[in-house]
């Protein structure tokens, strides 16, 4: 499991590092708590969306006995991503985890690493596979967008 965890940390660390370089305001403790706790309460109790924010769906992938759904939480005032919600469902344990992938906030990043570090080996492997493939797609899309921008100028 350590090899898979190390790979996951390397991949996600580079994603988080790229986010930090774009000068987006760091994920706050309040945003992190909303993503990891408040969202679940909002959905289960039929509450309104947190004022000043909205979600944008990213992807929903089932791999083996696990389902991973991701959403970007946007700050409406600045139209920037506050953090990424990951809903990880294990059909083995029948548990659902609500994670926040924060950016540019080392304390919250450590909390995120702690949370995924508690998972069993198989779930960690599936998560690593899903996010590795997703990262590859994002990088390819960014490069295609850059080529299109150059072609139009």
N, C-alpha and C. Protein backbone atom coordinates (compact mmCIF):
# COMPACT_ATOMS: atom_id res chain seq x y z
N UNK A 1 0.81 -1.19 0.00
CA UNK A 1 0.00 0.00 0.00
C UNK A 1 0.86 1.26 0.00
N UNK A 2 2.04 1.18 0.60
CA UNK A 2 2.90 2.36 0.67
C UNK A 2 3.30 2.84 -0.72
N UNK A 3 3.57 1.90 -1.66
CA UNK A 3 3.93 2.31 -3.01
C UNK A 3 2.79 3.05 -3.69
N UNK A 4 1.57 2.55 -3.53
CA UNK A 4 0.42 3.20 -4.14
C UNK A 4 0.14 4.54 -3.47
N UNK A 5 0.28 4.60 -2.17
CA UNK A 5 0.08 5.86 -1.46
C UNK A 5 1.12 6.88 -1.90
N UNK A 6 2.36 6.45 -2.04
CA UNK A 6 3.43 7.35 -2.48
C UNK A 6 3.15 7.86 -3.89
N UNK A 7 2.69 6.99 -4.78
CA UNK A 7 2.36 7.39 -6.14
C UNK A 7 1.22 8.41 -6.12
N UNK A 8 0.21 8.14 -5.34
CA UNK A 8 -0.93 9.04 -5.23
C UNK A 8 -0.49 10.40 -4.70
N UNK A 9 0.35 10.39 -3.68
CA UNK A 9 0.84 11.65 -3.11
C UNK A 9 1.64 12.42 -4.15
N UNK A 10 2.46 11.75 -4.92
CA UNK A 10 3.24 12.41 -5.96
C UNK A 10 2.34 13.05 -7.01
N UNK A 11 1.36 12.31 -7.48
CA UNK A 11 0.46 12.81 -8.51
C UNK A 11 -0.36 13.99 -8.00
N UNK A 12 -1.00 13.79 -6.86
CA UNK A 12 -1.86 14.85 -6.32
C UNK A 12 -1.04 16.04 -5.86
N UNK A 13 0.17 15.79 -5.39
CA UNK A 13 1.04 16.89 -5.00
C UNK A 13 1.37 17.79 -6.17
N UNK A 14 1.60 17.19 -7.33
CA UNK A 14 1.89 18.01 -8.51
C UNK A 14 0.66 18.78 -8.97
N UNK A 15 -0.53 18.18 -8.81
CA UNK A 15 -1.76 18.90 -9.13
C UNK A 15 -1.92 20.09 -8.19
N UNK A 16 -1.72 19.85 -6.90
CA UNK A 16 -1.87 20.91 -5.92
C UNK A 16 -0.83 22.01 -6.14
N UNK A 17 0.38 21.63 -6.53
CA UNK A 17 1.43 22.59 -6.79
C UNK A 17 1.07 23.47 -7.98
N UNK A 18 0.49 22.88 -9.03
CA UNK A 18 0.06 23.66 -10.19
C UNK A 18 -1.01 24.66 -9.80
N UNK A 19 -1.94 24.24 -8.95
CA UNK A 19 -3.00 25.14 -8.50
C UNK A 19 -2.40 26.32 -7.75
N UNK A 20 -1.45 26.05 -6.90
CA UNK A 20 -0.85 27.11 -6.10
C UNK A 20 -0.13 28.12 -6.98
N UNK A 21 0.44 27.69 -8.10
CA UNK A 21 1.17 28.59 -8.97
C UNK A 21 0.26 29.55 -9.73
N UNK A 22 -1.03 29.28 -9.78
CA UNK A 22 -1.96 30.13 -10.49
C UNK A 22 -2.45 31.30 -9.65
N UNK A 23 -1.96 31.46 -8.44
CA UNK A 23 -2.28 32.56 -7.54
C UNK A 23 -3.75 32.62 -7.16
N UNK A 24 -4.39 31.47 -7.10
CA UNK A 24 -5.75 31.38 -6.61
C UNK A 24 -5.67 31.43 -5.10
N UNK A 25 -6.63 32.12 -4.48
CA UNK A 25 -6.64 32.19 -3.01
C UNK A 25 -6.69 30.79 -2.43
N UNK A 26 -5.95 30.53 -1.37
CA UNK A 26 -5.92 29.19 -0.78
C UNK A 26 -7.29 28.74 -0.28
N UNK A 27 -7.46 27.44 -0.22
CA UNK A 27 -8.66 26.87 0.39
C UNK A 27 -8.64 27.27 1.86
N UNK A 28 -9.78 27.73 2.35
CA UNK A 28 -9.88 28.12 3.76
C UNK A 28 -10.38 26.94 4.59
N UNK A 29 -10.19 27.06 5.88
CA UNK A 29 -10.69 26.04 6.82
C UNK A 29 -12.21 25.91 6.69
N UNK A 30 -12.90 27.05 6.56
CA UNK A 30 -14.36 27.03 6.41
C UNK A 30 -14.77 26.29 5.14
N UNK A 31 -14.07 26.52 4.05
CA UNK A 31 -14.39 25.84 2.79
C UNK A 31 -14.10 24.35 2.89
N UNK A 32 -12.98 24.03 3.52
CA UNK A 32 -12.62 22.62 3.71
C UNK A 32 -13.69 21.90 4.53
N UNK A 33 -14.11 22.51 5.62
CA UNK A 33 -15.13 21.90 6.46
C UNK A 33 -16.48 21.78 5.75
N UNK A 34 -16.81 22.77 4.94
CA UNK A 34 -18.05 22.69 4.17
C UNK A 34 -18.00 21.50 3.21
N UNK A 35 -16.89 21.34 2.51
CA UNK A 35 -16.77 20.26 1.54
C UNK A 35 -16.79 18.90 2.24
N UNK A 36 -16.09 18.77 3.36
CA UNK A 36 -15.98 17.46 4.01
C UNK A 36 -17.15 17.12 4.92
N UNK A 37 -17.86 18.13 5.41
CA UNK A 37 -18.95 17.86 6.36
C UNK A 37 -20.27 18.52 5.94
N UNK A 38 -20.22 19.78 5.58
CA UNK A 38 -21.43 20.54 5.29
C UNK A 38 -22.18 20.06 4.06
N UNK A 39 -21.45 19.67 3.03
CA UNK A 39 -22.10 19.21 1.80
C UNK A 39 -22.98 18.00 2.07
N UNK A 40 -22.47 17.05 2.81
CA UNK A 40 -23.23 15.84 3.14
C UNK A 40 -24.52 16.21 3.88
N UNK A 41 -24.42 17.11 4.85
CA UNK A 41 -25.59 17.55 5.60
C UNK A 41 -26.57 18.27 4.68
N UNK A 42 -26.05 19.13 3.82
CA UNK A 42 -26.89 19.87 2.87
C UNK A 42 -27.71 18.91 2.01
N UNK A 43 -27.07 17.89 1.47
CA UNK A 43 -27.75 16.94 0.58
C UNK A 43 -28.74 16.09 1.36
N UNK A 44 -28.32 15.55 2.50
CA UNK A 44 -29.21 14.65 3.25
C UNK A 44 -30.41 15.37 3.86
N UNK A 45 -30.24 16.66 4.20
CA UNK A 45 -31.33 17.42 4.82
C UNK A 45 -32.07 18.32 3.83
N UNK A 46 -31.67 18.31 2.57
CA UNK A 46 -32.35 19.12 1.56
C UNK A 46 -32.16 20.62 1.76
N UNK A 47 -30.99 21.02 2.25
CA UNK A 47 -30.71 22.43 2.52
C UNK A 47 -30.24 23.15 1.26
N UNK A 48 -30.27 24.47 1.30
CA UNK A 48 -29.80 25.29 0.19
C UNK A 48 -28.28 25.24 0.11
N UNK A 49 -27.78 25.57 -1.06
CA UNK A 49 -26.34 25.67 -1.31
C UNK A 49 -25.76 26.78 -0.44
N UNK A 50 -24.52 26.59 -0.01
CA UNK A 50 -23.82 27.61 0.78
C UNK A 50 -23.77 28.90 -0.02
N UNK A 51 -24.17 29.99 0.62
CA UNK A 51 -24.23 31.29 -0.04
C UNK A 51 -22.84 31.72 -0.53
N UNK A 52 -22.81 32.19 -1.77
CA UNK A 52 -21.57 32.68 -2.35
C UNK A 52 -20.75 31.62 -3.06
N UNK A 53 -21.29 30.41 -3.17
CA UNK A 53 -20.56 29.29 -3.79
C UNK A 53 -21.49 28.52 -4.72
N UNK A 54 -20.88 27.80 -5.63
CA UNK A 54 -21.63 26.82 -6.44
C UNK A 54 -20.68 25.69 -6.82
N UNK A 55 -21.27 24.53 -7.12
CA UNK A 55 -20.49 23.38 -7.55
C UNK A 55 -20.59 23.21 -9.06
N UNK A 56 -19.53 22.68 -9.62
CA UNK A 56 -19.52 22.28 -11.03
C UNK A 56 -19.06 20.82 -11.06
N UNK A 57 -19.88 19.97 -11.67
CA UNK A 57 -19.52 18.55 -11.76
C UNK A 57 -18.27 18.37 -12.60
N UNK A 58 -17.41 17.46 -12.17
CA UNK A 58 -16.20 17.15 -12.91
C UNK A 58 -16.32 15.77 -13.56
N UNK A 59 -16.24 14.72 -12.74
CA UNK A 59 -16.38 13.37 -13.29
C UNK A 59 -16.93 12.42 -12.25
N UNK A 60 -17.45 11.31 -12.74
CA UNK A 60 -18.03 10.27 -11.91
C UNK A 60 -17.55 8.94 -12.51
N UNK A 61 -16.73 8.21 -11.75
CA UNK A 61 -16.12 6.98 -12.27
C UNK A 61 -16.32 5.85 -11.28
N UNK A 62 -16.75 4.71 -11.80
CA UNK A 62 -16.78 3.51 -10.98
C UNK A 62 -15.61 2.63 -11.42
N UNK A 63 -14.84 2.20 -10.44
CA UNK A 63 -13.68 1.33 -10.70
C UNK A 63 -13.71 0.23 -9.65
N UNK A 64 -13.91 -0.99 -10.13
CA UNK A 64 -14.00 -2.11 -9.20
C UNK A 64 -15.18 -1.93 -8.27
N UNK A 65 -14.93 -2.05 -6.99
CA UNK A 65 -15.97 -1.91 -5.97
C UNK A 65 -16.06 -0.50 -5.39
N UNK A 66 -15.60 0.49 -6.17
CA UNK A 66 -15.54 1.86 -5.66
C UNK A 66 -16.07 2.85 -6.69
N UNK A 67 -16.73 3.87 -6.19
CA UNK A 67 -17.27 4.95 -7.02
C UNK A 67 -16.63 6.26 -6.57
N UNK A 68 -16.12 7.04 -7.52
CA UNK A 68 -15.50 8.32 -7.21
C UNK A 68 -16.19 9.42 -8.01
N UNK A 69 -16.77 10.36 -7.30
CA UNK A 69 -17.46 11.49 -7.91
C UNK A 69 -16.73 12.75 -7.48
N UNK A 70 -16.48 13.65 -8.43
CA UNK A 70 -15.76 14.88 -8.10
C UNK A 70 -16.54 16.09 -8.57
N UNK A 71 -16.43 17.15 -7.78
CA UNK A 71 -17.07 18.42 -8.08
C UNK A 71 -16.13 19.54 -7.67
N UNK A 72 -16.09 20.61 -8.45
CA UNK A 72 -15.33 21.79 -8.09
C UNK A 72 -16.24 22.74 -7.31
N UNK A 73 -15.75 23.25 -6.19
CA UNK A 73 -16.48 24.28 -5.45
C UNK A 73 -15.92 25.63 -5.88
N UNK A 74 -16.80 26.46 -6.46
CA UNK A 74 -16.39 27.78 -6.94
C UNK A 74 -16.82 28.88 -5.99
N UNK A 75 -15.94 29.85 -5.83
CA UNK A 75 -16.28 31.09 -5.14
C UNK A 75 -16.94 32.00 -6.18
N UNK A 76 -18.17 32.38 -5.94
CA UNK A 76 -18.88 33.19 -6.93
C UNK A 76 -18.30 34.59 -7.07
N UNK A 77 -17.79 35.16 -5.99
CA UNK A 77 -17.28 36.53 -6.03
C UNK A 77 -16.05 36.68 -6.92
N UNK A 78 -15.25 35.63 -7.02
CA UNK A 78 -14.01 35.71 -7.81
C UNK A 78 -13.96 34.70 -8.95
N UNK A 79 -14.97 33.85 -9.05
CA UNK A 79 -15.04 32.80 -10.06
C UNK A 79 -13.76 31.95 -10.06
N UNK A 80 -13.34 31.55 -8.85
CA UNK A 80 -12.17 30.69 -8.74
C UNK A 80 -12.52 29.46 -7.91
N UNK A 81 -11.76 28.41 -8.11
CA UNK A 81 -12.01 27.16 -7.41
C UNK A 81 -11.52 27.28 -5.97
N UNK A 82 -12.42 26.96 -5.03
CA UNK A 82 -12.07 26.99 -3.61
C UNK A 82 -11.48 25.66 -3.17
N UNK A 83 -11.90 24.58 -3.82
CA UNK A 83 -11.43 23.24 -3.49
C UNK A 83 -12.20 22.24 -4.33
N UNK A 84 -11.78 21.00 -4.25
CA UNK A 84 -12.44 19.94 -5.01
C UNK A 84 -13.04 18.95 -4.04
N UNK A 85 -14.32 18.68 -4.23
CA UNK A 85 -15.04 17.67 -3.47
C UNK A 85 -14.86 16.33 -4.15
N UNK A 86 -14.46 15.33 -3.38
CA UNK A 86 -14.40 13.96 -3.85
C UNK A 86 -15.34 13.14 -2.97
N UNK A 87 -16.32 12.52 -3.60
CA UNK A 87 -17.21 11.61 -2.88
C UNK A 87 -16.76 10.21 -3.26
N UNK A 88 -16.20 9.50 -2.30
CA UNK A 88 -15.64 8.17 -2.54
C UNK A 88 -16.53 7.15 -1.83
N UNK A 89 -17.13 6.28 -2.62
CA UNK A 89 -18.06 5.28 -2.09
C UNK A 89 -17.43 3.90 -2.22
N UNK A 90 -17.39 3.18 -1.10
CA UNK A 90 -16.90 1.80 -1.09
C UNK A 90 -18.11 0.87 -1.04
N UNK A 91 -18.24 0.02 -2.05
CA UNK A 91 -19.31 -0.97 -2.05
C UNK A 91 -18.90 -2.21 -1.26
N UNK A 92 -17.65 -2.25 -0.80
CA UNK A 92 -17.16 -3.33 0.06
C UNK A 92 -17.61 -3.07 1.50
N UNK A 93 -17.31 -1.87 2.00
CA UNK A 93 -17.66 -1.52 3.38
C UNK A 93 -18.99 -0.78 3.47
N UNK A 94 -19.53 -0.39 2.33
CA UNK A 94 -20.76 0.40 2.25
C UNK A 94 -20.61 1.74 2.97
N UNK A 95 -19.39 2.31 2.90
CA UNK A 95 -19.11 3.62 3.49
C UNK A 95 -18.91 4.64 2.39
N UNK A 96 -19.28 5.87 2.69
CA UNK A 96 -19.05 6.98 1.78
C UNK A 96 -18.17 8.00 2.48
N UNK A 97 -17.15 8.45 1.79
CA UNK A 97 -16.20 9.43 2.32
C UNK A 97 -16.35 10.73 1.53
N UNK A 98 -16.33 11.84 2.24
CA UNK A 98 -16.39 13.17 1.62
C UNK A 98 -15.04 13.82 1.87
N UNK A 99 -14.29 14.00 0.80
CA UNK A 99 -12.95 14.55 0.89
C UNK A 99 -12.88 15.91 0.24
N UNK A 100 -11.95 16.71 0.69
CA UNK A 100 -11.65 17.97 0.03
C UNK A 100 -10.20 17.92 -0.43
N UNK A 101 -10.00 18.15 -1.72
CA UNK A 101 -8.63 18.35 -2.22
C UNK A 101 -8.43 19.87 -2.17
N UNK A 102 -7.70 20.33 -1.16
CA UNK A 102 -7.47 21.78 -1.01
C UNK A 102 -6.28 22.22 -1.85
N UNK A 103 -6.07 23.50 -1.92
CA UNK A 103 -4.86 23.99 -2.58
C UNK A 103 -4.25 25.13 -1.79
N UNK A 104 -2.94 25.16 -1.83
CA UNK A 104 -2.14 26.24 -1.26
C UNK A 104 -2.41 26.47 0.23
N UNK A 105 -2.70 25.37 0.96
CA UNK A 105 -2.90 25.45 2.40
C UNK A 105 -2.32 24.16 2.99
N UNK A 106 -1.10 24.22 3.44
CA UNK A 106 -0.36 23.02 3.87
C UNK A 106 -1.05 22.28 5.01
N UNK A 107 -1.66 22.98 5.92
CA UNK A 107 -2.36 22.31 7.04
C UNK A 107 -3.51 21.46 6.52
N UNK A 108 -4.28 22.02 5.59
CA UNK A 108 -5.42 21.27 5.04
C UNK A 108 -4.95 20.15 4.11
N UNK A 109 -3.86 20.35 3.42
CA UNK A 109 -3.31 19.29 2.58
C UNK A 109 -2.90 18.10 3.46
N UNK A 110 -2.30 18.38 4.60
CA UNK A 110 -1.93 17.31 5.54
C UNK A 110 -3.17 16.56 6.03
N UNK A 111 -4.25 17.29 6.30
CA UNK A 111 -5.49 16.63 6.71
C UNK A 111 -6.02 15.73 5.60
N UNK A 112 -5.94 16.20 4.37
CA UNK A 112 -6.36 15.39 3.22
C UNK A 112 -5.52 14.11 3.13
N UNK A 113 -4.20 14.22 3.23
CA UNK A 113 -3.33 13.04 3.18
C UNK A 113 -3.71 12.06 4.28
N UNK A 114 -3.96 12.58 5.47
CA UNK A 114 -4.37 11.73 6.60
C UNK A 114 -5.65 10.97 6.29
N UNK A 115 -6.63 11.68 5.72
CA UNK A 115 -7.92 11.05 5.41
C UNK A 115 -7.76 9.89 4.43
N UNK A 116 -7.06 10.12 3.33
CA UNK A 116 -6.93 9.03 2.35
C UNK A 116 -5.97 7.95 2.83
N UNK A 117 -5.09 8.29 3.74
CA UNK A 117 -4.17 7.31 4.31
C UNK A 117 -4.84 6.27 5.18
N UNK A 118 -6.08 6.52 5.57
CA UNK A 118 -6.83 5.59 6.43
C UNK A 118 -7.56 4.51 5.62
N UNK A 119 -7.59 4.65 4.33
CA UNK A 119 -8.33 3.70 3.49
C UNK A 119 -7.61 2.36 3.40
N UNK A 120 -8.38 1.33 3.01
CA UNK A 120 -7.76 0.02 2.78
C UNK A 120 -6.98 0.05 1.47
N UNK A 121 -6.16 -0.96 1.28
CA UNK A 121 -5.25 -1.03 0.13
C UNK A 121 -6.00 -0.96 -1.19
N UNK A 122 -7.07 -1.76 -1.35
CA UNK A 122 -7.77 -1.80 -2.63
C UNK A 122 -8.40 -0.46 -2.99
N UNK A 123 -8.98 0.21 -2.01
CA UNK A 123 -9.59 1.51 -2.29
C UNK A 123 -8.51 2.53 -2.67
N UNK A 124 -7.38 2.49 -2.00
CA UNK A 124 -6.27 3.39 -2.32
C UNK A 124 -5.77 3.16 -3.74
N UNK A 125 -5.68 1.89 -4.15
CA UNK A 125 -5.22 1.57 -5.50
C UNK A 125 -6.21 2.11 -6.53
N UNK A 126 -7.50 1.87 -6.31
CA UNK A 126 -8.52 2.33 -7.26
C UNK A 126 -8.52 3.86 -7.35
N UNK A 127 -8.39 4.52 -6.22
CA UNK A 127 -8.34 5.99 -6.19
C UNK A 127 -7.13 6.49 -6.97
N UNK A 128 -6.00 5.86 -6.75
CA UNK A 128 -4.78 6.23 -7.46
C UNK A 128 -4.95 6.04 -8.96
N UNK A 129 -5.54 4.94 -9.38
CA UNK A 129 -5.74 4.69 -10.81
C UNK A 129 -6.67 5.74 -11.43
N UNK A 130 -7.79 6.01 -10.76
CA UNK A 130 -8.76 6.97 -11.29
C UNK A 130 -8.12 8.35 -11.43
N UNK A 131 -7.40 8.79 -10.39
CA UNK A 131 -6.83 10.13 -10.44
C UNK A 131 -5.60 10.21 -11.33
N UNK A 132 -4.88 9.12 -11.50
CA UNK A 132 -3.76 9.12 -12.44
C UNK A 132 -4.28 9.32 -13.86
N UNK A 133 -5.31 8.56 -14.23
CA UNK A 133 -5.89 8.70 -15.56
C UNK A 133 -6.52 10.09 -15.73
N UNK A 134 -7.20 10.57 -14.71
CA UNK A 134 -7.81 11.90 -14.77
C UNK A 134 -6.76 12.99 -14.93
N UNK A 135 -5.67 12.86 -14.21
CA UNK A 135 -4.59 13.84 -14.31
C UNK A 135 -4.02 13.86 -15.73
N UNK A 136 -3.84 12.69 -16.31
CA UNK A 136 -3.34 12.61 -17.69
C UNK A 136 -4.28 13.31 -18.66
N UNK A 137 -5.58 13.12 -18.47
CA UNK A 137 -6.55 13.77 -19.35
C UNK A 137 -6.54 15.28 -19.17
N UNK A 138 -6.41 15.75 -17.95
CA UNK A 138 -6.38 17.18 -17.68
C UNK A 138 -5.15 17.81 -18.33
N UNK A 139 -4.00 17.19 -18.16
CA UNK A 139 -2.76 17.73 -18.74
C UNK A 139 -2.88 17.78 -20.27
N UNK A 140 -3.40 16.72 -20.88
CA UNK A 140 -3.57 16.70 -22.33
C UNK A 140 -4.52 17.82 -22.78
N UNK A 141 -5.62 18.01 -22.05
CA UNK A 141 -6.59 19.05 -22.40
C UNK A 141 -5.98 20.44 -22.27
N UNK A 142 -5.17 20.66 -21.24
CA UNK A 142 -4.52 21.96 -21.06
C UNK A 142 -3.61 22.25 -22.25
N UNK A 143 -2.85 21.26 -22.68
CA UNK A 143 -1.95 21.47 -23.82
C UNK A 143 -2.73 21.72 -25.11
N UNK A 144 -3.85 21.04 -25.29
CA UNK A 144 -4.68 21.28 -26.48
C UNK A 144 -5.25 22.69 -26.46
N UNK A 145 -5.69 23.14 -25.28
CA UNK A 145 -6.21 24.50 -25.15
C UNK A 145 -5.13 25.53 -25.47
N UNK A 146 -3.91 25.29 -25.02
CA UNK A 146 -2.80 26.20 -25.31
C UNK A 146 -2.53 26.27 -26.81
N UNK A 147 -2.59 25.11 -27.49
CA UNK A 147 -2.39 25.10 -28.94
C UNK A 147 -3.49 25.90 -29.64
N UNK A 148 -4.73 25.75 -29.20
CA UNK A 148 -5.83 26.49 -29.79
C UNK A 148 -5.68 27.99 -29.58
N UNK A 149 -5.23 28.38 -28.38
CA UNK A 149 -5.01 29.80 -28.11
C UNK A 149 -3.92 30.38 -29.01
N UNK A 150 -2.85 29.63 -29.21
CA UNK A 150 -1.77 30.10 -30.07
C UNK A 150 -2.25 30.22 -31.51
N UNK A 151 -3.08 29.30 -31.94
CA UNK A 151 -3.57 29.30 -33.32
C UNK A 151 -4.50 30.49 -33.59
N UNK A 152 -5.19 30.97 -32.56
CA UNK A 152 -6.11 32.09 -32.75
C UNK A 152 -5.43 33.45 -32.63
N UNK A 153 -4.17 33.48 -32.19
CA UNK A 153 -3.46 34.77 -32.04
C UNK A 153 -2.43 34.95 -33.09
